[in-house]
Amino acid sequence: YRQAPGKERELVASITGRGTTVYG
């Protein structure tokens, strides 16, 4: 995740145990 000044935390990327990925 990432959080910039004055902004909400947002998802950048995820990876499951099987290697499936999701990106912002």
PDB file of all heavy atoms in Angstrom:
ATOM      1  N   TYR A   1       0.855  -1.177   0.000  1.00  0.00           N
ATOM      2  CA  TYR A   1       0.000   0.000   0.000  1.00  0.00           C
ATOM      3  C   TYR A   1       0.897   1.234   0.000  1.00  0.00           C
ATOM      4  O   TYR A   1       2.098   1.144   0.283  1.00  0.00           O
ATOM      5  CB  TYR A   1      -0.881   0.038   1.253  1.00  0.00           C
ATOM      6  CG  TYR A   1      -2.047  -0.912   1.231  1.00  0.00           C
ATOM      7  CD1 TYR A   1      -1.872  -2.268   1.455  1.00  0.00           C
ATOM      8  CD2 TYR A   1      -3.344  -0.449   1.002  1.00  0.00           C
ATOM      9  CE1 TYR A   1      -2.953  -3.144   1.444  1.00  0.00           C
ATOM     10  CE2 TYR A   1      -4.432  -1.305   0.995  1.00  0.00           C
ATOM     11  CZ  TYR A   1      -4.227  -2.653   1.223  1.00  0.00           C
ATOM     12  OH  TYR A   1      -5.299  -3.509   1.201  1.00  0.00           O
ATOM     13  N   ARG A   2       0.308   2.381  -0.269  1.00  0.00           N
ATOM     14  CA  ARG A   2       1.051   3.622  -0.159  1.00  0.00           C
ATOM     15  C   ARG A   2       0.146   4.729   0.355  1.00  0.00           C
ATOM     16  O   ARG A   2      -1.077   4.668   0.180  1.00  0.00           O
ATOM     17  CB  ARG A   2       1.675   4.021  -1.492  1.00  0.00           C
ATOM     18  CG  ARG A   2       0.692   4.509  -2.537  1.00  0.00           C
ATOM     19  CD  ARG A   2       1.418   4.802  -3.841  1.00  0.00           C
ATOM     20  NE  ARG A   2       0.544   5.430  -4.821  1.00  0.00           N
ATOM     21  CZ  ARG A   2       0.922   5.725  -6.069  1.00  0.00           C
ATOM     22  NH1 ARG A   2       2.162   5.432  -6.479  1.00  0.00           N
ATOM     23  NH2 ARG A   2       0.078   6.310  -6.894  1.00  0.00           N
ATOM     24  N   GLN A   3       0.768   5.715   0.974  1.00  0.00           N
ATOM     25  CA  GLN A   3       0.024   6.857   1.472  1.00  0.00           C
ATOM     26  C   GLN A   3       0.837   8.124   1.239  1.00  0.00           C
ATOM     27  O   GLN A   3       1.952   8.251   1.758  1.00  0.00           O
ATOM     28  CB  GLN A   3      -0.310   6.705   2.958  1.00  0.00           C
ATOM     29  CG  GLN A   3      -1.242   7.781   3.479  1.00  0.00           C
ATOM     30  CD  GLN A   3      -1.821   7.441   4.841  1.00  0.00           C
ATOM     31  OE1 GLN A   3      -1.314   6.591   5.561  1.00  0.00           O
ATOM     32  NE2 GLN A   3      -2.918   8.102   5.196  1.00  0.00           N
ATOM     33  N   ALA A   4       0.275   9.009   0.440  1.00  0.00           N
ATOM     34  CA  ALA A   4       0.900  10.295   0.179  1.00  0.00           C
ATOM     35  C   ALA A   4       0.366  11.324   1.176  1.00  0.00           C
ATOM     36  O   ALA A   4      -0.730  11.138   1.725  1.00  0.00           O
ATOM     37  CB  ALA A   4       0.602  10.743  -1.252  1.00  0.00           C
ATOM     38  N   PRO A   5       1.097  12.399   1.407  1.00  0.00           N
ATOM     39  CA  PRO A   5       0.642  13.427   2.358  1.00  0.00           C
ATOM     40  C   PRO A   5      -0.741  13.950   1.991  1.00  0.00           C
ATOM     41  O   PRO A   5      -0.993  14.316   0.844  1.00  0.00           O
ATOM     42  CB  PRO A   5       1.704  14.516   2.231  1.00  0.00           C
ATOM     43  CG  PRO A   5       2.928  13.797   1.784  1.00  0.00           C
ATOM     44  CD  PRO A   5       2.435  12.711   0.875  1.00  0.00           C
ATOM     45  N   GLY A   6      -1.635  13.956   2.976  1.00  0.00           N
ATOM     46  CA  GLY A   6      -2.971  14.474   2.760  1.00  0.00           C
ATOM     47  C   GLY A   6      -3.904  13.554   2.013  1.00  0.00           C
ATOM     48  O   GLY A   6      -5.048  13.942   1.705  1.00  0.00           O
ATOM     49  N   LYS A   7      -3.445  12.347   1.716  1.00  0.00           N
ATOM     50  CA  LYS A   7      -4.283  11.399   0.971  1.00  0.00           C
ATOM     51  C   LYS A   7      -4.497  10.133   1.773  1.00  0.00           C
ATOM     52  O   LYS A   7      -3.757   9.836   2.704  1.00  0.00           O
ATOM     53  CB  LYS A   7      -3.640  11.063  -0.378  1.00  0.00           C
ATOM     54  CG  LYS A   7      -3.571  12.243  -1.336  1.00  0.00           C
ATOM     55  CD  LYS A   7      -3.109  11.792  -2.706  1.00  0.00           C
ATOM     56  CE  LYS A   7      -3.127  12.957  -3.688  1.00  0.00           C
ATOM     57  NZ  LYS A   7      -2.700  12.518  -5.058  1.00  0.00           N
ATOM     58  N   GLU A   8      -5.515   9.360   1.381  1.00  0.00           N
ATOM     59  CA  GLU A   8      -5.789   8.101   2.046  1.00  0.00           C
ATOM     60  C   GLU A   8      -4.808   7.026   1.573  1.00  0.00           C
ATOM     61  O   GLU A   8      -4.276   7.109   0.460  1.00  0.00           O
ATOM     62  CB  GLU A   8      -7.223   7.654   1.769  1.00  0.00           C
ATOM     63  CG  GLU A   8      -8.276   8.572   2.384  1.00  0.00           C
ATOM     64  CD  GLU A   8      -9.684   8.019   2.217  1.00  0.00           C
ATOM     65  OE1 GLU A   8      -9.843   7.006   1.514  1.00  0.00           O
ATOM     66  OE2 GLU A   8     -10.608   8.613   2.786  1.00  0.00           O
ATOM     67  N   ARG A   9      -4.620   6.038   2.413  1.00  0.00           N
ATOM     68  CA  ARG A   9      -3.783   4.908   2.029  1.00  0.00           C
ATOM     69  C   ARG A   9      -4.492   4.145   0.906  1.00  0.00           C
ATOM     70  O   ARG A   9      -5.694   3.906   0.959  1.00  0.00           O
ATOM     71  CB  ARG A   9      -3.550   4.003   3.232  1.00  0.00           C
ATOM     72  CG  ARG A   9      -2.491   2.955   3.020  1.00  0.00           C
ATOM     73  CD  ARG A   9      -2.160   2.230   4.319  1.00  0.00           C
ATOM     74  NE  ARG A   9      -1.580   3.127   5.320  1.00  0.00           N
ATOM     75  CZ  ARG A   9      -1.042   2.696   6.459  1.00  0.00           C
ATOM     76  NH1 ARG A   9      -1.020   1.406   6.743  1.00  0.00           N
ATOM     77  NH2 ARG A   9      -0.544   3.562   7.321  1.00  0.00           N
ATOM     78  N   GLU A  10      -3.727   3.752  -0.117  1.00  0.00           N
ATOM     79  CA  GLU A  10      -4.317   3.051  -1.252  1.00  0.00           C
ATOM     80  C   GLU A  10      -3.506   1.799  -1.596  1.00  0.00           C
ATOM     81  O   GLU A  10      -2.294   1.739  -1.360  1.00  0.00           O
ATOM     82  CB  GLU A  10      -4.383   3.972  -2.485  1.00  0.00           C
ATOM     83  CG  GLU A  10      -3.054   4.480  -2.990  1.00  0.00           C
ATOM     84  CD  GLU A  10      -3.184   5.423  -4.176  1.00  0.00           C
ATOM     85  OE1 GLU A  10      -4.281   5.540  -4.755  1.00  0.00           O
ATOM     86  OE2 GLU A  10      -2.157   6.031  -4.552  1.00  0.00           O
ATOM     87  N   LEU A  11      -4.200   0.854  -2.182  1.00  0.00           N
ATOM     88  CA  LEU A  11      -3.552  -0.390  -2.587  1.00  0.00           C
ATOM     89  C   LEU A  11      -2.698  -0.159  -3.826  1.00  0.00           C
ATOM     90  O   LEU A  11      -3.175   0.393  -4.821  1.00  0.00           O
ATOM     91  CB  LEU A  11      -4.606  -1.461  -2.879  1.00  0.00           C
ATOM     92  CG  LEU A  11      -4.062  -2.790  -3.389  1.00  0.00           C
ATOM     93  CD1 LEU A  11      -3.283  -3.512  -2.305  1.00  0.00           C
ATOM     94  CD2 LEU A  11      -5.201  -3.670  -3.907  1.00  0.00           C
ATOM     95  N   VAL A  12      -1.463  -0.633  -3.766  1.00  0.00           N
ATOM     96  CA  VAL A  12      -0.570  -0.586  -4.925  1.00  0.00           C
ATOM     97  C   VAL A  12      -0.600  -1.916  -5.665  1.00  0.00           C
ATOM     98  O   VAL A  12      -0.803  -1.961  -6.877  1.00  0.00           O
ATOM     99  CB  VAL A  12       0.871  -0.258  -4.499  1.00  0.00           C
ATOM    100  CG1 VAL A  12       1.789  -0.242  -5.714  1.00  0.00           C
ATOM    101  CG2 VAL A  12       0.924   1.066  -3.750  1.00  0.00           C
ATOM    102  N   ALA A  13      -0.407  -3.002  -4.915  1.00  0.00           N
ATOM    103  CA  ALA A  13      -0.358  -4.322  -5.541  1.00  0.00           C
ATOM    104  C   ALA A  13      -0.543  -5.397  -4.487  1.00  0.00           C
ATOM    105  O   ALA A  13      -0.201  -5.194  -3.316  1.00  0.00           O
ATOM    106  CB  ALA A  13       0.974  -4.532  -6.257  1.00  0.00           C
ATOM    107  N   SER A  14      -1.079  -6.535  -4.917  1.00  0.00           N
ATOM    108  CA  SER A  14      -1.231  -7.700  -4.062  1.00  0.00           C
ATOM    109  C   SER A  14      -0.805  -8.939  -4.829  1.00  0.00           C
ATOM    110  O   SER A  14      -0.922  -8.989  -6.057  1.00  0.00           O
ATOM    111  CB  SER A  14      -2.684  -7.872  -3.618  1.00  0.00           C
ATOM    112  OG  SER A  14      -3.074  -6.890  -2.697  1.00  0.00           O
ATOM    113  N   ILE A  15      -0.347  -9.943  -4.065  1.00  0.00           N
ATOM    114  CA  ILE A  15       0.009 -11.220  -4.664  1.00  0.00           C
ATOM    115  C   ILE A  15      -0.442 -12.328  -3.734  1.00  0.00           C
ATOM    116  O   ILE A  15      -0.172 -12.293  -2.528  1.00  0.00           O
ATOM    117  CB  ILE A  15       1.523 -11.304  -4.963  1.00  0.00           C
ATOM    118  CG1 ILE A  15       1.858 -12.600  -5.682  1.00  0.00           C
ATOM    119  CG2 ILE A  15       2.360 -11.113  -3.710  1.00  0.00           C
ATOM    120  CD1 ILE A  15       3.262 -12.617  -6.289  1.00  0.00           C
ATOM    121  N   THR A  16      -1.165 -13.312  -4.275  1.00  0.00           N
ATOM    122  CA  THR A  16      -1.636 -14.427  -3.468  1.00  0.00           C
ATOM    123  C   THR A  16      -0.542 -15.464  -3.311  1.00  0.00           C
ATOM    124  O   THR A  16       0.516 -15.388  -3.944  1.00  0.00           O
ATOM    125  CB  THR A  16      -2.862 -15.086  -4.108  1.00  0.00           C
ATOM    126  OG1 THR A  16      -2.444 -15.766  -5.306  1.00  0.00           O
ATOM    127  CG2 THR A  16      -3.936 -14.063  -4.441  1.00  0.00           C
ATOM    128  N   GLY A  17      -0.821 -16.480  -2.499  1.00  0.00           N
ATOM    129  CA  GLY A  17       0.129 -17.555  -2.329  1.00  0.00           C
ATOM    130  C   GLY A  17       0.375 -18.336  -3.603  1.00  0.00           C
ATOM    131  O   GLY A  17       1.437 -18.935  -3.777  1.00  0.00           O
ATOM    132  N   ARG A  18      -0.579 -18.293  -4.528  1.00  0.00           N
ATOM    133  CA  ARG A  18      -0.435 -18.999  -5.803  1.00  0.00           C
ATOM    134  C   ARG A  18       0.166 -18.094  -6.880  1.00  0.00           C
ATOM    135  O   ARG A  18       0.327 -18.542  -8.022  1.00  0.00           O
ATOM    136  CB  ARG A  18      -1.791 -19.516  -6.267  1.00  0.00           C
ATOM    137  CG  ARG A  18      -2.358 -20.594  -5.368  1.00  0.00           C
ATOM    138  CD  ARG A  18      -3.606 -21.218  -5.957  1.00  0.00           C
ATOM    139  NE  ARG A  18      -4.105 -22.313  -5.136  1.00  0.00           N
ATOM    140  CZ  ARG A  18      -5.119 -23.094  -5.487  1.00  0.00           C
ATOM    141  NH1 ARG A  18      -5.747 -22.900  -6.609  1.00  0.00           N
ATOM    142  NH2 ARG A  18      -5.508 -24.067  -4.686  1.00  0.00           N
ATOM    143  N   GLY A  19       0.436 -16.845  -6.511  1.00  0.00           N
ATOM    144  CA  GLY A  19       1.088 -15.955  -7.466  1.00  0.00           C
ATOM    145  C   GLY A  19       0.156 -15.078  -8.278  1.00  0.00           C
ATOM    146  O   GLY A  19       0.620 -14.364  -9.177  1.00  0.00           O
ATOM    147  N   THR A  20      -1.121 -15.115  -7.977  1.00  0.00           N
ATOM    148  CA  THR A  20      -2.049 -14.238  -8.672  1.00  0.00           C
ATOM    149  C   THR A  20      -1.841 -12.802  -8.197  1.00  0.00           C
ATOM    150  O   THR A  20      -1.747 -12.552  -6.994  1.00  0.00           O
ATOM    151  CB  THR A  20      -3.496 -14.661  -8.405  1.00  0.00           C
ATOM    152  OG1 THR A  20      -3.684 -15.997  -8.857  1.00  0.00           O
ATOM    153  CG2 THR A  20      -4.478 -13.741  -9.133  1.00  0.00           C
ATOM    154  N   THR A  21      -1.772 -11.879  -9.137  1.00  0.00           N
ATOM    155  CA  THR A  21      -1.470 -10.495  -8.794  1.00  0.00           C
ATOM    156  C   THR A  21      -2.610  -9.552  -9.157  1.00  0.00           C
ATOM    157  O   THR A  21      -3.368  -9.793 -10.102  1.00  0.00           O
ATOM    158  CB  THR A  21      -0.193 -10.015  -9.496  1.00  0.00           C
ATOM    159  OG1 THR A  21      -0.347 -10.189 -10.913  1.00  0.00           O
ATOM    160  CG2 THR A  21       1.014 -10.803  -9.022  1.00  0.00           C
ATOM    161  N   VAL A  22      -2.703  -8.484  -8.388  1.00  0.00           N
ATOM    162  CA  VAL A  22      -3.660  -7.414  -8.631  1.00  0.00           C
ATOM    163  C   VAL A  22      -2.916  -6.097  -8.426  1.00  0.00           C
ATOM    164  O   VAL A  22      -2.108  -5.982  -7.497  1.00  0.00           O
ATOM    165  CB  VAL A  22      -4.856  -7.483  -7.657  1.00  0.00           C
ATOM    166  CG1 VAL A  22      -5.748  -6.262  -7.825  1.00  0.00           C
ATOM    167  CG2 VAL A  22      -5.666  -8.749  -7.881  1.00  0.00           C
ATOM    168  N   TYR A  23      -3.198  -5.126  -9.299  1.00  0.00           N
ATOM    169  CA  TYR A  23      -2.526  -3.836  -9.214  1.00  0.00           C
ATOM    170  C   TYR A  23      -3.538  -2.699  -9.195  1.00  0.00           C
ATOM    171  O   TYR A  23      -4.629  -2.802  -9.779  1.00  0.00           O
ATOM    172  CB  TYR A  23      -1.591  -3.632 -10.412  1.00  0.00           C
ATOM    173  CG  TYR A  23      -0.432  -4.593 -10.440  1.00  0.00           C
ATOM    174  CD1 TYR A  23      -0.511  -5.789 -11.146  1.00  0.00           C
ATOM    175  CD2 TYR A  23       0.747  -4.307  -9.757  1.00  0.00           C
ATOM    176  CE1 TYR A  23       0.551  -6.677 -11.164  1.00  0.00           C
ATOM    177  CE2 TYR A  23       1.816  -5.181  -9.772  1.00  0.00           C
ATOM    178  CZ  TYR A  23       1.707  -6.373 -10.474  1.00  0.00           C
ATOM    179  OH  TYR A  23       2.769  -7.252 -10.482  1.00  0.00           O
ATOM    180  N   GLY A  24      -3.148  -1.592  -8.544  1.00  0.00           N
ATOM    181  CA  GLY A  24      -3.964  -0.394  -8.604  1.00  0.00           C
ATOM    182  C   GLY A  24      -4.015   0.143 -10.024  1.00  0.00           C
ATOM    183  O   GLY A  24      -3.071  -0.055 -10.803  1.00  0.00           O
TER     184      GLY A  24
END
